[in-house]
């Protein structure tokens, strides 16, 4: 009879089971991670729109005029405002109010809107 050796390590079946479990977990987690990222980019677009609205009000308090601008031009037109990467922003001025829209190129595709007369952000 052969002597039983004291074996150390994992069998091939055990390794295959572990790899299969990791694959199943990855298949569940990766799509969720992508959705979290998209919602994060949407939050960035909302935040930029809210900050631009605040800068519009600050500009109006100082100069008694609202400013129309789009994307990178808002960085110079609105004092203290800095547009985030990937965010598309449009501010449209009227005599006594303004509106703004924003979206993020990597977000869910939602377009966020702000109306100074109504107040607040909607999509």
N, C-alpha and C. Protein backbone atom coordinates (compact mmCIF):
# COMPACT_ATOMS: atom_id res chain seq x y z
N UNK A 1 0.82 -1.18 0.00
CA UNK A 1 0.00 0.00 0.00
C UNK A 1 0.87 1.24 0.00
N UNK A 2 0.31 2.24 -0.63
CA UNK A 2 1.03 3.50 -0.66
C UNK A 2 0.71 4.29 0.60
N UNK A 3 1.68 4.99 1.05
CA UNK A 3 1.47 5.83 2.23
C UNK A 3 0.74 7.11 1.80
N UNK A 4 -0.18 7.53 2.62
CA UNK A 4 -0.92 8.76 2.34
C UNK A 4 -0.02 9.95 2.67
N UNK A 5 0.10 10.81 1.65
CA UNK A 5 0.95 11.99 1.85
C UNK A 5 0.14 13.12 2.47
N UNK A 6 0.81 13.91 3.21
CA UNK A 6 0.18 15.09 3.80
C UNK A 6 0.19 16.18 2.73
N UNK A 7 -0.93 16.35 2.02
CA UNK A 7 -0.97 17.30 0.90
C UNK A 7 -1.34 18.69 1.41
N UNK A 8 -0.75 19.67 0.77
CA UNK A 8 -1.02 21.06 1.10
C UNK A 8 -1.47 21.77 -0.17
N UNK A 9 -2.44 22.68 -0.04
CA UNK A 9 -2.91 23.43 -1.20
C UNK A 9 -4.37 23.11 -1.48
N UNK A 10 -4.85 23.64 -2.59
CA UNK A 10 -6.25 23.47 -2.97
C UNK A 10 -6.35 22.55 -4.16
N UNK A 11 -7.47 21.86 -4.25
CA UNK A 11 -7.70 21.01 -5.41
C UNK A 11 -8.21 21.89 -6.56
N UNK A 12 -8.19 21.33 -7.74
CA UNK A 12 -8.64 22.06 -8.92
C UNK A 12 -10.12 22.42 -8.80
N UNK A 13 -10.92 21.54 -8.27
CA UNK A 13 -12.35 21.79 -8.09
C UNK A 13 -12.57 22.98 -7.15
N UNK A 14 -11.85 23.02 -6.06
CA UNK A 14 -11.99 24.13 -5.12
C UNK A 14 -11.64 25.46 -5.78
N UNK A 15 -10.59 25.47 -6.57
CA UNK A 15 -10.20 26.70 -7.26
C UNK A 15 -11.25 27.12 -8.29
N UNK A 16 -11.82 26.16 -9.00
CA UNK A 16 -12.86 26.47 -9.99
C UNK A 16 -14.11 27.03 -9.32
N UNK A 17 -14.48 26.50 -8.16
CA UNK A 17 -15.64 27.01 -7.44
C UNK A 17 -15.40 28.45 -7.00
N UNK A 18 -14.23 28.75 -6.51
CA UNK A 18 -13.91 30.11 -6.08
C UNK A 18 -13.95 31.07 -7.27
N UNK A 19 -13.38 30.67 -8.40
CA UNK A 19 -13.39 31.51 -9.59
C UNK A 19 -14.83 31.75 -10.07
N UNK A 20 -15.67 30.72 -10.02
CA UNK A 20 -17.07 30.87 -10.43
C UNK A 20 -17.81 31.83 -9.51
N UNK A 21 -17.58 31.75 -8.22
CA UNK A 21 -18.23 32.65 -7.27
C UNK A 21 -17.79 34.09 -7.52
N UNK A 22 -16.51 34.31 -7.74
CA UNK A 22 -16.00 35.65 -8.03
C UNK A 22 -16.62 36.19 -9.32
N UNK A 23 -16.76 35.33 -10.32
CA UNK A 23 -17.39 35.74 -11.58
C UNK A 23 -18.83 36.16 -11.40
N UNK A 24 -19.58 35.41 -10.60
CA UNK A 24 -20.98 35.75 -10.34
C UNK A 24 -21.08 37.08 -9.59
N UNK A 25 -20.25 37.27 -8.59
CA UNK A 25 -20.26 38.54 -7.84
C UNK A 25 -19.89 39.72 -8.74
N UNK A 26 -18.92 39.53 -9.63
CA UNK A 26 -18.52 40.60 -10.54
C UNK A 26 -19.64 40.93 -11.52
N UNK A 27 -20.37 39.92 -11.98
CA UNK A 27 -21.47 40.15 -12.91
C UNK A 27 -22.58 40.97 -12.26
N UNK A 28 -22.72 40.87 -10.97
CA UNK A 28 -23.74 41.64 -10.25
C UNK A 28 -23.22 43.04 -9.92
N UNK A 29 -21.97 43.14 -9.52
CA UNK A 29 -21.44 44.40 -9.00
C UNK A 29 -21.10 45.42 -10.09
N UNK A 30 -20.60 44.99 -11.23
CA UNK A 30 -20.14 45.93 -12.25
C UNK A 30 -21.28 46.80 -12.80
N UNK A 31 -22.44 46.25 -13.15
CA UNK A 31 -23.53 47.14 -13.61
C UNK A 31 -24.00 48.12 -12.52
N UNK A 32 -24.00 47.68 -11.28
CA UNK A 32 -24.39 48.58 -10.19
C UNK A 32 -23.39 49.72 -10.06
N UNK A 33 -22.12 49.41 -10.21
CA UNK A 33 -21.09 50.44 -10.12
C UNK A 33 -21.27 51.47 -11.24
N UNK A 34 -21.60 51.02 -12.44
CA UNK A 34 -21.82 51.94 -13.56
C UNK A 34 -23.00 52.87 -13.27
N UNK A 35 -24.06 52.33 -12.69
CA UNK A 35 -25.23 53.15 -12.36
C UNK A 35 -24.88 54.18 -11.28
N UNK A 36 -24.06 53.79 -10.31
CA UNK A 36 -23.64 54.73 -9.27
C UNK A 36 -22.84 55.88 -9.88
N UNK A 37 -21.96 55.56 -10.82
CA UNK A 37 -21.15 56.59 -11.48
C UNK A 37 -22.04 57.56 -12.24
N UNK A 38 -23.02 57.05 -12.98
CA UNK A 38 -23.90 57.92 -13.75
C UNK A 38 -24.68 58.87 -12.84
N UNK A 39 -25.17 58.34 -11.74
CA UNK A 39 -25.89 59.21 -10.80
C UNK A 39 -24.96 60.25 -10.18
N UNK A 40 -23.71 59.87 -9.97
CA UNK A 40 -22.72 60.84 -9.47
C UNK A 40 -22.47 61.96 -10.46
N UNK A 41 -22.40 61.62 -11.75
CA UNK A 41 -22.22 62.65 -12.77
C UNK A 41 -23.46 63.55 -12.86
N UNK A 42 -24.65 62.97 -12.69
CA UNK A 42 -25.87 63.78 -12.66
C UNK A 42 -25.83 64.76 -11.48
N UNK A 43 -25.34 64.31 -10.35
CA UNK A 43 -25.23 65.19 -9.18
C UNK A 43 -24.26 66.34 -9.45
N UNK A 44 -23.21 66.05 -10.20
CA UNK A 44 -22.25 67.10 -10.55
C UNK A 44 -22.93 68.16 -11.43
N UNK A 45 -23.76 67.72 -12.38
CA UNK A 45 -24.47 68.66 -13.25
C UNK A 45 -25.45 69.50 -12.43
N UNK A 46 -26.15 68.87 -11.49
CA UNK A 46 -27.07 69.61 -10.62
C UNK A 46 -26.31 70.64 -9.78
N UNK A 47 -25.19 70.23 -9.23
CA UNK A 47 -24.40 71.11 -8.38
C UNK A 47 -23.90 72.32 -9.17
N UNK A 48 -23.42 72.08 -10.39
CA UNK A 48 -22.95 73.19 -11.21
C UNK A 48 -24.09 74.15 -11.54
N UNK A 49 -25.27 73.61 -11.81
CA UNK A 49 -26.42 74.47 -12.11
C UNK A 49 -26.80 75.31 -10.89
N UNK A 50 -26.79 74.69 -9.72
CA UNK A 50 -27.10 75.42 -8.49
C UNK A 50 -26.05 76.51 -8.22
N UNK A 51 -24.77 76.18 -8.43
CA UNK A 51 -23.71 77.17 -8.23
C UNK A 51 -23.80 78.31 -9.24
N UNK A 52 -24.15 77.99 -10.48
CA UNK A 52 -24.31 79.03 -11.50
C UNK A 52 -25.48 79.95 -11.15
N UNK A 53 -26.55 79.38 -10.62
CA UNK A 53 -27.70 80.20 -10.21
C UNK A 53 -27.30 81.15 -9.08
N UNK A 54 -26.52 80.65 -8.14
CA UNK A 54 -26.04 81.50 -7.04
C UNK A 54 -25.14 82.61 -7.58
N UNK A 55 -24.27 82.27 -8.54
CA UNK A 55 -23.40 83.29 -9.14
C UNK A 55 -24.21 84.32 -9.93
N UNK A 56 -25.27 83.88 -10.59
CA UNK A 56 -26.17 84.81 -11.30
C UNK A 56 -26.78 85.81 -10.32
N UNK A 57 -27.27 85.31 -9.20
CA UNK A 57 -27.88 86.19 -8.20
C UNK A 57 -26.85 87.15 -7.62
N UNK A 58 -25.63 86.67 -7.39
CA UNK A 58 -24.58 87.55 -6.87
C UNK A 58 -24.23 88.63 -7.89
N UNK A 59 -24.17 88.25 -9.16
CA UNK A 59 -23.89 89.22 -10.22
C UNK A 59 -25.01 90.25 -10.32
N UNK A 60 -26.26 89.78 -10.19
CA UNK A 60 -27.40 90.70 -10.25
C UNK A 60 -27.39 91.68 -9.07
N UNK A 61 -27.03 91.20 -7.91
CA UNK A 61 -26.97 92.07 -6.73
C UNK A 61 -25.92 93.16 -6.90
N UNK A 62 -24.85 92.84 -7.62
CA UNK A 62 -23.77 93.80 -7.79
C UNK A 62 -23.98 94.71 -9.01
N UNK A 63 -24.48 94.15 -10.12
CA UNK A 63 -24.55 94.89 -11.38
C UNK A 63 -25.97 95.15 -11.89
N UNK A 64 -26.98 94.64 -11.21
CA UNK A 64 -28.39 94.78 -11.59
C UNK A 64 -28.68 94.27 -13.00
N UNK A 65 -28.00 93.20 -13.39
CA UNK A 65 -28.25 92.58 -14.69
C UNK A 65 -27.92 91.09 -14.59
N UNK A 66 -28.77 90.27 -15.22
CA UNK A 66 -28.48 88.84 -15.34
C UNK A 66 -27.65 88.61 -16.59
N UNK A 67 -26.87 87.54 -16.60
CA UNK A 67 -25.94 87.25 -17.70
C UNK A 67 -26.36 85.98 -18.42
N UNK A 68 -26.30 86.01 -19.75
CA UNK A 68 -26.49 84.79 -20.55
C UNK A 68 -25.11 84.24 -20.90
N UNK A 69 -24.94 82.95 -20.76
CA UNK A 69 -23.66 82.33 -21.10
C UNK A 69 -23.87 80.85 -21.37
N UNK A 70 -22.86 80.24 -21.94
CA UNK A 70 -22.93 78.82 -22.25
C UNK A 70 -21.58 78.17 -22.00
N UNK A 71 -21.58 77.04 -21.34
CA UNK A 71 -20.40 76.22 -21.08
C UNK A 71 -19.23 77.03 -20.52
N UNK A 72 -18.06 76.98 -21.16
CA UNK A 72 -16.85 77.59 -20.60
C UNK A 72 -16.96 79.11 -20.47
N UNK A 73 -17.81 79.74 -21.28
CA UNK A 73 -17.98 81.20 -21.18
C UNK A 73 -18.56 81.59 -19.82
N UNK A 74 -19.25 80.69 -19.17
CA UNK A 74 -19.81 80.98 -17.84
C UNK A 74 -18.71 81.16 -16.80
N UNK A 75 -17.55 80.55 -17.03
CA UNK A 75 -16.44 80.70 -16.08
C UNK A 75 -16.00 82.15 -15.96
N UNK A 76 -16.05 82.90 -17.07
CA UNK A 76 -15.64 84.30 -17.03
C UNK A 76 -16.83 85.24 -16.82
N UNK A 77 -18.02 84.84 -17.28
CA UNK A 77 -19.20 85.71 -17.18
C UNK A 77 -19.78 85.74 -15.77
N UNK A 78 -19.68 84.64 -15.06
CA UNK A 78 -20.26 84.55 -13.71
C UNK A 78 -19.13 84.58 -12.68
N UNK A 79 -19.10 85.60 -11.84
CA UNK A 79 -18.01 85.72 -10.87
C UNK A 79 -18.00 84.58 -9.85
N UNK A 80 -16.82 83.99 -9.67
CA UNK A 80 -16.66 82.93 -8.68
C UNK A 80 -17.18 81.58 -9.11
N UNK A 81 -17.53 81.42 -10.37
CA UNK A 81 -18.08 80.15 -10.85
C UNK A 81 -17.03 79.39 -11.65
N UNK A 82 -16.98 78.06 -11.45
CA UNK A 82 -16.06 77.19 -12.20
C UNK A 82 -16.85 75.97 -12.66
N UNK A 83 -16.95 75.78 -13.97
CA UNK A 83 -17.69 74.67 -14.55
C UNK A 83 -16.88 73.38 -14.43
N UNK A 84 -17.52 72.30 -14.01
CA UNK A 84 -16.86 71.00 -13.88
C UNK A 84 -16.66 70.37 -15.25
N UNK A 85 -15.68 69.48 -15.34
CA UNK A 85 -15.42 68.76 -16.59
C UNK A 85 -16.61 67.89 -16.96
N UNK A 86 -16.98 67.91 -18.24
CA UNK A 86 -18.06 67.07 -18.75
C UNK A 86 -19.45 67.64 -18.61
N UNK A 87 -19.58 68.77 -17.92
CA UNK A 87 -20.90 69.37 -17.71
C UNK A 87 -21.17 70.38 -18.82
N UNK A 88 -22.36 70.30 -19.39
CA UNK A 88 -22.82 71.28 -20.37
C UNK A 88 -23.84 72.18 -19.67
N UNK A 89 -23.58 73.48 -19.69
CA UNK A 89 -24.40 74.44 -18.95
C UNK A 89 -24.81 75.58 -19.87
N UNK A 90 -26.07 75.98 -19.80
CA UNK A 90 -26.56 77.13 -20.54
C UNK A 90 -27.40 77.99 -19.60
N UNK A 91 -27.03 79.25 -19.48
CA UNK A 91 -27.78 80.21 -18.68
C UNK A 91 -28.39 81.23 -19.64
N UNK A 92 -29.69 81.47 -19.52
CA UNK A 92 -30.40 82.41 -20.38
C UNK A 92 -31.02 83.50 -19.51
N UNK A 93 -30.62 84.74 -19.78
CA UNK A 93 -31.06 85.86 -18.96
C UNK A 93 -32.28 86.55 -19.56
N UNK A 94 -33.14 87.03 -18.69
CA UNK A 94 -34.25 87.91 -19.05
C UNK A 94 -34.09 89.18 -18.22
N UNK A 95 -35.02 90.09 -18.32
CA UNK A 95 -34.90 91.36 -17.60
C UNK A 95 -34.93 91.17 -16.09
N UNK A 96 -35.89 90.42 -15.60
CA UNK A 96 -36.06 90.26 -14.16
C UNK A 96 -35.86 88.83 -13.67
N UNK A 97 -35.42 87.94 -14.54
CA UNK A 97 -35.23 86.55 -14.13
C UNK A 97 -34.23 85.88 -15.08
N UNK A 98 -33.96 84.62 -14.82
CA UNK A 98 -33.07 83.84 -15.69
C UNK A 98 -33.46 82.38 -15.59
N UNK A 99 -33.05 81.62 -16.58
CA UNK A 99 -33.23 80.17 -16.57
C UNK A 99 -31.88 79.54 -16.89
N UNK A 100 -31.74 78.30 -16.49
CA UNK A 100 -30.51 77.57 -16.77
C UNK A 100 -30.79 76.10 -16.97
N UNK A 101 -29.97 75.46 -17.78
CA UNK A 101 -30.05 74.01 -17.97
C UNK A 101 -28.65 73.43 -17.89
N UNK A 102 -28.58 72.19 -17.42
CA UNK A 102 -27.29 71.50 -17.37
C UNK A 102 -27.49 70.01 -17.55
N UNK A 103 -26.46 69.38 -18.05
CA UNK A 103 -26.42 67.93 -18.19
C UNK A 103 -24.96 67.50 -18.18
N UNK A 104 -24.71 66.25 -17.93
CA UNK A 104 -23.34 65.73 -17.95
C UNK A 104 -23.22 64.70 -19.05
N UNK A 105 -22.12 64.74 -19.78
CA UNK A 105 -21.93 63.84 -20.91
C UNK A 105 -21.85 62.37 -20.50
N UNK A 106 -21.46 62.08 -19.27
CA UNK A 106 -21.36 60.70 -18.80
C UNK A 106 -22.49 60.31 -17.85
N UNK A 107 -23.46 61.20 -17.68
CA UNK A 107 -24.58 60.94 -16.77
C UNK A 107 -25.65 60.07 -17.42
N UNK A 108 -26.83 60.10 -16.84
CA UNK A 108 -27.94 59.28 -17.33
C UNK A 108 -28.65 59.92 -18.51
N UNK A 109 -28.28 61.13 -18.88
CA UNK A 109 -28.92 61.83 -19.98
C UNK A 109 -29.99 62.81 -19.54
N UNK A 110 -30.23 62.90 -18.25
CA UNK A 110 -31.22 63.84 -17.74
C UNK A 110 -30.73 65.27 -17.95
N UNK A 111 -31.67 66.14 -18.27
CA UNK A 111 -31.37 67.56 -18.41
C UNK A 111 -32.01 68.28 -17.22
N UNK A 112 -31.18 68.93 -16.43
CA UNK A 112 -31.63 69.62 -15.23
C UNK A 112 -31.93 71.06 -15.58
N UNK A 113 -33.00 71.60 -15.05
CA UNK A 113 -33.43 72.97 -15.35
C UNK A 113 -33.59 73.78 -14.07
N UNK A 114 -33.30 75.07 -14.18
CA UNK A 114 -33.48 76.00 -13.07
C UNK A 114 -34.20 77.23 -13.61
N UNK A 115 -35.23 77.66 -12.92
CA UNK A 115 -35.96 78.88 -13.28
C UNK A 115 -35.97 79.78 -12.05
N UNK A 116 -35.37 80.96 -12.18
CA UNK A 116 -35.26 81.83 -11.00
C UNK A 116 -36.62 82.33 -10.53
N UNK A 117 -37.58 82.43 -11.43
CA UNK A 117 -38.91 82.89 -11.02
C UNK A 117 -39.61 81.84 -10.17
N UNK A 118 -39.45 80.57 -10.53
CA UNK A 118 -40.08 79.49 -9.77
C UNK A 118 -39.18 79.01 -8.64
N UNK A 119 -37.86 79.07 -8.85
CA UNK A 119 -36.91 78.60 -7.85
C UNK A 119 -36.78 77.10 -7.85
N UNK A 120 -35.61 76.61 -7.60
CA UNK A 120 -35.38 75.18 -7.50
C UNK A 120 -35.02 74.53 -8.82
N UNK A 121 -34.45 73.33 -8.71
CA UNK A 121 -34.01 72.56 -9.87
C UNK A 121 -35.03 71.48 -10.17
N UNK A 122 -35.34 71.31 -11.45
CA UNK A 122 -36.22 70.23 -11.90
C UNK A 122 -35.54 69.50 -13.05
N UNK A 123 -36.07 68.33 -13.38
CA UNK A 123 -35.54 67.62 -14.55
C UNK A 123 -36.65 67.21 -15.46
